[in-house]
Amino acid sequence: MTLAQNIIRFRKENELSQQQLADQLTISRQSVSKWENGESLPGIDNLLLLSGLLNISLDELITGEAYLSFPLHYGKPKRDKPIVLLSVLALIGVGLFSSFISYFEGEQIPMHVLVGIGLFTLFMLLIFYVMFAYCTPFDFKRYYSYWTLEKKGIRYPVFRSKPIGKIGPFTEFILPFVACFGLRKTVFVPYQEITKMKLCFIPFKYNPTKTAISMNGYTPRMHQTMREPFYLEVTTRVGEVIELDLRGYYRVTSNERKMLGTMLSFLKRKQFAFIDDQHIYAKVRKQENIIDSMYEKA
């Protein structure tokens, strides 16, 4: 987008008329009109004032893209560790064990019964853990699976020396547990070691939005398994293929939705091939919904 288009866009987002913007800049409305028509350009002083009045960075005003600061964690939850998950599981465990013990109140509990209660409690905790890690709208695996864009390269997570995209579904279950104890491991790959990047979106056989029924406000898209694979496939000089999860883009109000277009623009300027066979990049730049358009193409 041009500077003129950006001024129009951000002025409207801030619900300002040309006259209101001109008044705040102490210039004439005609000057603002000329900027927006591309007949003239604002000076450095006015550019700085504009960025402040429109609540955006100078980079964003000029390029139309969000400011890119490093390191940028893509997909990382706001909390550093899944304390909520640990707390809930601990409360459930204590509650279950206490309930069983209270059943034998006033009696001496045989050791084999006590062991049985303990094992059953652990079994129930495992069930609850699997539910939290895999069957809830919030993806606790993100505490381990997020990746980081840095100035000189990309830092991605590995588990037992395998990129996260290459591990099996059962191994994914333990990722939140591993992240809880700070055992997350990463590998750094410099940009000069990358030969190719490819945007990939894999639709399901049927679009869940149109084939499933919403119940009591719960929509199919809220479930983790109903989110189509969307990732950046990175190929290195040694032939390693890394999948960087981009599904954070699906959350409309997320920072991932806001920043992905800027991140991809940054990567496209690097000295490696950038492949977008599905024409996703243009939609991401505009922060548009890519899911429905992918099914329409299919």
Protein backbone atom coordinates (compact mmCIF):
# COMPACT_ATOMS: atom_id res chain seq x y z
CA MET A 1 0.00 0.00 0.00
CA THR A 2 1.14 3.57 -0.67
CA LEU A 3 1.64 6.21 2.01
CA ALA A 4 -1.49 7.99 0.76
CA GLN A 5 -3.56 4.81 1.18
CA ASN A 6 -2.08 4.22 4.64
CA ILE A 7 -3.02 7.72 5.81
CA ILE A 8 -6.60 7.15 4.64
CA ARG A 9 -6.77 3.71 6.24
CA PHE A 10 -5.40 4.70 9.66
CA ARG A 11 -7.33 7.99 9.74
CA LYS A 12 -10.59 6.08 9.24
CA GLU A 13 -9.61 3.43 11.79
CA ASN A 14 -9.21 6.26 14.31
CA GLU A 15 -12.60 7.65 13.24
CA LEU A 16 -11.18 11.01 12.18
CA SER A 17 -12.31 13.19 9.30
CA GLN A 18 -9.82 15.05 7.15
CA GLN A 19 -10.75 18.26 8.94
CA GLN A 20 -10.32 16.74 12.41
CA LEU A 21 -6.89 15.37 11.47
CA ALA A 22 -5.90 18.70 9.95
CA ASP A 23 -6.97 20.55 13.11
CA GLN A 24 -4.85 18.30 15.30
CA LEU A 25 -1.85 18.84 12.99
CA THR A 26 -2.60 22.61 12.80
CA ILE A 27 -2.60 22.52 9.00
CA SER A 28 -5.31 23.00 6.37
CA ARG A 29 -7.76 20.29 5.33
CA GLN A 30 -6.51 20.77 1.74
CA SER A 31 -3.03 19.64 2.83
CA VAL A 32 -4.43 16.39 4.23
CA SER A 33 -6.48 15.93 1.06
CA LYS A 34 -3.35 16.32 -1.09
CA TRP A 35 -1.54 13.69 0.98
CA GLU A 36 -4.41 11.24 0.55
CA ASN A 37 -4.65 11.93 -3.18
CA GLY A 38 -0.91 11.41 -3.62
CA GLU A 39 -0.39 14.98 -4.84
CA SER A 40 2.16 15.73 -2.12
CA LEU A 41 3.95 14.03 0.77
CA PRO A 42 4.03 15.01 4.45
CA GLY A 43 7.36 16.22 5.77
CA ILE A 44 9.35 14.38 8.45
CA ASP A 45 7.84 16.46 11.25
CA ASN A 46 4.29 15.74 10.07
CA LEU A 47 5.05 12.04 9.62
CA LEU A 48 6.16 11.86 13.25
CA LEU A 49 3.04 13.73 14.37
CA LEU A 50 0.84 11.48 12.23
CA SER A 51 2.28 8.30 13.75
CA GLY A 52 1.52 9.63 17.22
CA LEU A 53 -1.99 10.87 16.41
CA LEU A 54 -2.92 7.65 14.60
CA ASN A 55 -1.44 5.41 17.33
CA ILE A 56 0.93 3.52 15.06
CA SER A 57 4.68 3.28 14.54
CA LEU A 58 6.40 5.29 11.82
CA ASP A 59 7.24 2.02 10.01
CA GLU A 60 3.60 0.97 10.04
CA LEU A 61 2.47 4.36 8.73
CA ILE A 62 4.90 4.25 5.80
CA THR A 63 4.73 0.56 4.88
CA GLY A 64 1.24 -0.30 6.12
CA GLU A 65 2.68 -3.23 8.10
CA ALA A 66 2.93 -3.73 11.84
CA TYR A 67 6.31 -2.95 13.39
CA LEU A 68 8.51 -6.02 13.54
CA SER A 69 10.54 -6.30 16.74
CA PHE A 70 12.92 -9.16 17.51
CA PRO A 71 12.73 -11.74 18.89
CA LEU A 72 9.11 -12.39 17.91
CA HIS A 73 7.51 -15.50 19.40
CA TYR A 74 4.84 -16.92 17.11
CA GLY A 75 2.12 -18.97 18.82
CA LYS A 76 3.43 -18.50 22.36
CA PRO A 77 0.72 -18.14 25.05
CA LYS A 78 0.89 -15.02 27.18
CA ARG A 79 1.80 -16.93 30.34
CA ASP A 80 5.36 -18.28 30.46
CA LYS A 81 4.33 -21.72 31.73
CA PRO A 82 1.02 -23.62 31.82
CA ILE A 83 0.58 -23.06 35.56
CA VAL A 84 -3.18 -23.24 35.15
CA LEU A 85 -2.93 -26.78 33.78
CA LEU A 86 -0.73 -27.93 36.66
CA SER A 87 -2.94 -26.22 39.24
CA VAL A 88 -6.17 -27.74 37.91
CA LEU A 89 -4.64 -31.23 37.73
CA ALA A 90 -3.25 -30.91 41.25
CA LEU A 91 -6.66 -29.82 42.61
CA ILE A 92 -8.38 -32.69 40.81
CA GLY A 93 -5.84 -35.17 42.15
CA VAL A 94 -6.13 -33.93 45.73
CA GLY A 95 -9.93 -33.88 45.48
CA LEU A 96 -10.16 -37.43 44.15
CA PHE A 97 -7.70 -38.88 46.65
CA SER A 98 -9.37 -37.08 49.58
CA SER A 99 -12.79 -38.32 48.50
CA PHE A 100 -11.66 -41.94 48.42
CA ILE A 101 -9.87 -41.66 51.76
CA SER A 102 -12.92 -40.06 53.42
CA TYR A 103 -14.92 -43.15 52.44
CA PHE A 104 -12.82 -45.14 54.95
CA GLU A 105 -12.98 -42.48 57.65
CA GLY A 106 -12.41 -43.98 61.09
CA GLU A 107 -11.10 -47.25 59.66
CA GLN A 108 -7.57 -48.50 59.13
CA ILE A 109 -6.95 -48.63 55.39
CA PRO A 110 -5.12 -51.77 54.17
CA MET A 111 -1.98 -51.06 52.17
CA HIS A 112 -3.27 -52.78 49.01
CA VAL A 113 -6.42 -50.60 49.15
CA LEU A 114 -4.32 -47.46 49.60
CA VAL A 115 -2.15 -48.45 46.61
CA GLY A 116 -5.28 -49.13 44.58
CA ILE A 117 -6.70 -45.70 45.42
CA GLY A 118 -3.41 -44.08 44.45
CA LEU A 119 -3.25 -45.91 41.11
CA PHE A 120 -6.87 -45.12 40.30
CA THR A 121 -6.28 -41.44 41.13
CA LEU A 122 -3.25 -41.40 38.82
CA PHE A 123 -5.34 -43.04 36.10
CA MET A 124 -8.05 -40.41 36.45
CA LEU A 125 -5.42 -37.65 36.38
CA LEU A 126 -4.09 -39.11 33.14
CA ILE A 127 -7.59 -38.97 31.65
CA PHE A 128 -8.04 -35.36 32.72
CA TYR A 129 -4.55 -34.48 31.44
CA VAL A 130 -5.32 -35.91 27.99
CA MET A 131 -8.59 -33.97 27.94
CA PHE A 132 -6.84 -30.71 28.82
CA ALA A 133 -3.93 -31.28 26.45
CA TYR A 134 -5.93 -32.37 23.45
CA CYS A 135 -9.70 -32.03 23.82
CA THR A 136 -10.20 -28.44 24.97
CA PRO A 137 -10.41 -25.26 22.85
CA PHE A 138 -7.15 -23.95 24.31
CA ASP A 139 -4.13 -25.77 22.92
CA PHE A 140 -1.75 -26.31 25.85
CA LYS A 141 0.78 -27.81 23.43
CA ARG A 142 1.51 -24.25 22.29
CA TYR A 143 3.66 -23.83 25.40
CA TYR A 144 6.14 -26.12 23.69
CA SER A 145 5.38 -25.82 19.97
CA TYR A 146 5.74 -22.05 19.46
CA TRP A 147 8.69 -20.83 17.37
CA THR A 148 10.69 -17.61 17.27
CA LEU A 149 11.64 -15.23 14.45
CA GLU A 150 15.01 -13.61 15.13
CA LYS A 151 17.16 -11.10 13.23
CA LYS A 152 19.61 -13.70 11.96
CA GLY A 153 17.47 -16.81 11.78
CA ILE A 154 14.64 -18.92 13.15
CA ARG A 155 14.55 -20.79 16.44
CA TYR A 156 12.21 -23.78 16.41
CA PRO A 157 11.28 -26.43 19.01
CA VAL A 158 12.50 -30.02 18.90
CA PHE A 159 11.59 -33.05 20.96
CA ARG A 160 14.17 -35.83 21.15
CA SER A 161 16.02 -34.18 18.25
CA LYS A 162 12.91 -34.21 16.03
CA PRO A 163 11.12 -31.03 14.85
CA ILE A 164 7.66 -30.80 16.41
CA GLY A 165 5.99 -31.33 13.01
CA LYS A 166 7.68 -34.74 12.75
CA ILE A 167 6.61 -36.27 16.06
CA GLY A 168 3.65 -38.61 16.46
CA PRO A 169 0.24 -37.65 17.89
CA PHE A 170 0.79 -39.61 21.10
CA THR A 171 4.07 -37.82 21.77
CA GLU A 172 2.22 -34.50 21.46
CA PHE A 173 0.29 -35.35 24.62
CA ILE A 174 3.32 -34.91 26.85
CA LEU A 175 4.46 -31.57 25.39
CA PRO A 176 2.50 -29.43 27.91
CA PHE A 177 3.86 -31.56 30.75
CA VAL A 178 7.44 -31.16 29.50
CA ALA A 179 6.96 -27.40 29.08
CA CYS A 180 5.65 -27.14 32.65
CA PHE A 181 9.08 -28.11 33.96
CA GLY A 182 11.09 -25.88 31.63
CA LEU A 183 12.44 -28.76 29.54
CA ARG A 184 11.61 -27.22 26.16
CA LYS A 185 14.49 -27.54 23.67
CA THR A 186 15.07 -25.49 20.53
CA VAL A 187 17.39 -25.40 17.52
CA PHE A 188 18.55 -22.28 15.71
CA VAL A 189 18.81 -22.21 11.91
CA PRO A 190 20.44 -19.12 10.28
CA TYR A 191 18.75 -17.62 7.22
CA GLN A 192 21.81 -18.39 5.07
CA GLU A 193 21.28 -22.10 5.78
CA ILE A 194 17.72 -21.99 4.40
CA THR A 195 17.13 -22.76 0.73
CA LYS A 196 13.33 -22.68 0.50
CA MET A 197 10.18 -21.69 2.36
CA LYS A 198 6.68 -22.74 1.35
CA LEU A 199 3.29 -21.66 2.71
CA CYS A 200 1.07 -24.72 3.19
CA PHE A 201 -2.62 -25.01 4.05
CA ILE A 202 -4.18 -28.49 4.08
CA PRO A 203 -8.00 -28.49 3.99
CA PHE A 204 -10.05 -31.31 5.45
CA LYS A 205 -12.13 -33.49 3.16
CA TYR A 206 -15.19 -31.57 4.36
CA ASN A 207 -15.38 -28.05 5.74
CA PRO A 208 -16.28 -28.44 9.47
CA THR A 209 -17.95 -25.04 9.49
CA LYS A 210 -20.57 -26.21 6.99
CA THR A 211 -20.89 -29.88 7.85
CA ALA A 212 -20.96 -29.89 11.67
CA ILE A 213 -23.72 -28.61 13.95
CA SER A 214 -23.08 -26.01 16.66
CA MET A 215 -24.52 -26.90 20.08
CA ASN A 216 -25.12 -24.51 22.97
CA GLY A 217 -22.73 -21.93 21.58
CA TYR A 218 -19.95 -24.48 21.01
CA THR A 219 -18.83 -24.32 17.40
CA PRO A 220 -16.74 -26.98 15.60
CA ARG A 221 -13.89 -24.50 15.14
CA MET A 222 -13.43 -24.23 18.91
CA HIS A 223 -12.00 -27.75 19.06
CA GLN A 224 -8.29 -28.24 18.37
CA THR A 225 -8.86 -31.08 15.92
CA MET A 226 -11.10 -28.87 13.79
CA ARG A 227 -8.29 -26.47 12.88
CA GLU A 228 -6.77 -27.21 9.50
CA PRO A 229 -2.98 -27.67 9.28
CA PHE A 230 -1.44 -24.33 8.29
CA TYR A 231 2.33 -24.10 8.41
CA LEU A 232 5.50 -22.71 6.88
CA GLU A 233 7.61 -25.49 5.42
CA VAL A 234 11.30 -24.65 5.73
CA THR A 235 13.96 -26.58 3.80
CA THR A 236 17.62 -26.23 4.83
CA ARG A 237 20.83 -26.76 2.84
CA VAL A 238 21.31 -30.20 4.40
CA GLY A 239 17.85 -31.26 3.22
CA GLU A 240 16.08 -31.05 6.59
CA VAL A 241 12.41 -30.06 6.37
CA ILE A 242 10.94 -28.10 9.29
CA GLU A 243 7.25 -27.29 9.74
CA LEU A 244 6.53 -24.04 11.59
CA ASP A 245 2.95 -24.00 12.86
CA LEU A 246 0.94 -20.95 11.69
CA ARG A 247 -2.48 -21.88 13.10
CA GLY A 248 -2.27 -19.02 15.57
CA TYR A 249 -3.40 -16.90 12.60
CA TYR A 250 -6.88 -18.40 12.93
CA ARG A 251 -7.49 -16.46 16.16
CA VAL A 252 -8.94 -13.22 14.78
CA THR A 253 -7.86 -10.93 17.62
CA SER A 254 -4.46 -12.53 18.18
CA ASN A 255 -1.05 -10.96 17.74
CA GLU A 256 -0.30 -13.81 15.31
CA ARG A 257 -3.11 -12.60 13.04
CA LYS A 258 -1.73 -9.08 13.16
CA MET A 259 1.96 -9.93 12.68
CA LEU A 260 2.05 -12.87 10.23
CA GLY A 261 1.85 -10.69 7.11
CA THR A 262 4.75 -8.55 8.33
CA MET A 263 6.78 -11.64 9.21
CA LEU A 264 6.22 -13.17 5.78
CA SER A 265 7.15 -9.89 4.07
CA PHE A 266 10.40 -9.91 6.04
CA LEU A 267 11.13 -13.52 5.03
CA LYS A 268 10.30 -12.90 1.36
CA ARG A 269 13.16 -10.41 1.18
CA LYS A 270 15.71 -13.05 2.19
CA GLN A 271 17.97 -14.88 -0.26
CA PHE A 272 15.98 -18.08 -0.56
CA ALA A 273 12.99 -19.23 -2.58
CA PHE A 274 9.59 -18.31 -1.15
CA ILE A 275 6.79 -20.47 -2.55
CA ASP A 276 3.09 -19.60 -2.29
CA ASP A 277 1.30 -21.93 -4.70
CA GLN A 278 -2.01 -21.48 -2.88
CA HIS A 279 -1.88 -17.65 -3.05
CA ILE A 280 -2.17 -17.26 0.72
CA TYR A 281 0.31 -14.43 1.22
CA ALA A 282 -1.88 -11.65 -0.22
CA LYS A 283 -4.78 -12.61 2.06
CA VAL A 284 -2.56 -12.80 5.12
CA ARG A 285 -1.19 -9.33 4.35
CA LYS A 286 -4.76 -8.04 4.57
CA GLN A 287 -5.49 -10.17 7.67
CA GLU A 288 -8.33 -11.92 5.83
CA ASN A 289 -9.96 -15.25 6.60
CA ILE A 290 -8.09 -17.83 4.50
CA ILE A 291 -10.10 -20.93 5.45
CA ASP A 292 -13.28 -20.41 3.42
CA SER A 293 -11.35 -19.28 0.31
CA MET A 294 -9.22 -22.46 0.46
CA TYR A 295 -12.33 -24.62 0.43
CA GLU A 296 -13.79 -22.62 -2.43
CA LYS A 297 -10.68 -23.32 -4.49
CA ALA A 298 -10.89 -27.01 -3.65
